[in-house]
Amino acid sequence: MEIRHLVLWPDKPREFVKVPEDESGIHFGLYLNGALVSVISLFADDDQRIRFRKFATLPGFQGKGLGSKLLRHALTYAQAHGYSCIWCDARTDALAFYERFGFKKFSEPFFKEHIEYYKIERAL
């Protein structure tokens, strides 16, 4: 929860980064030298589609391939558990990152708290 808050919404109260589905979600973290540095959470829509949310890597560890490693793990997990599609709401400034993993936009842009997003997805 702390990484979500520090990276995604540092100007909001800590409770802002909680989602109602957190208790039923599947949560992964990447540790480096015993310290949690990156997190991602998966939430099943149904037996075919799964969504990831709250994907964040601490600023000092960004650009080192750690987030990519964690995302690959989440993709592998989703595929191994029979999901055929994975999607998320992606910030516009992160689209190039997700496109490297084969994600494509499937919505018009929209805003959350003045930040532009697109819905993106990829087949598994």
Foldseek 3Di string as FASTA:
>chain_A
DVQLCVFPPVPDPPCVSDDPCVVVWDKDFDDDPRHTFWIKIWDDPDQAEIEIDSTGGPPVCPPVCPSVVVVVVVVVVCVVSRHFKYKYWAFPVCVVVVVVVVKDFDADWDDDPNTITTIIMDTD
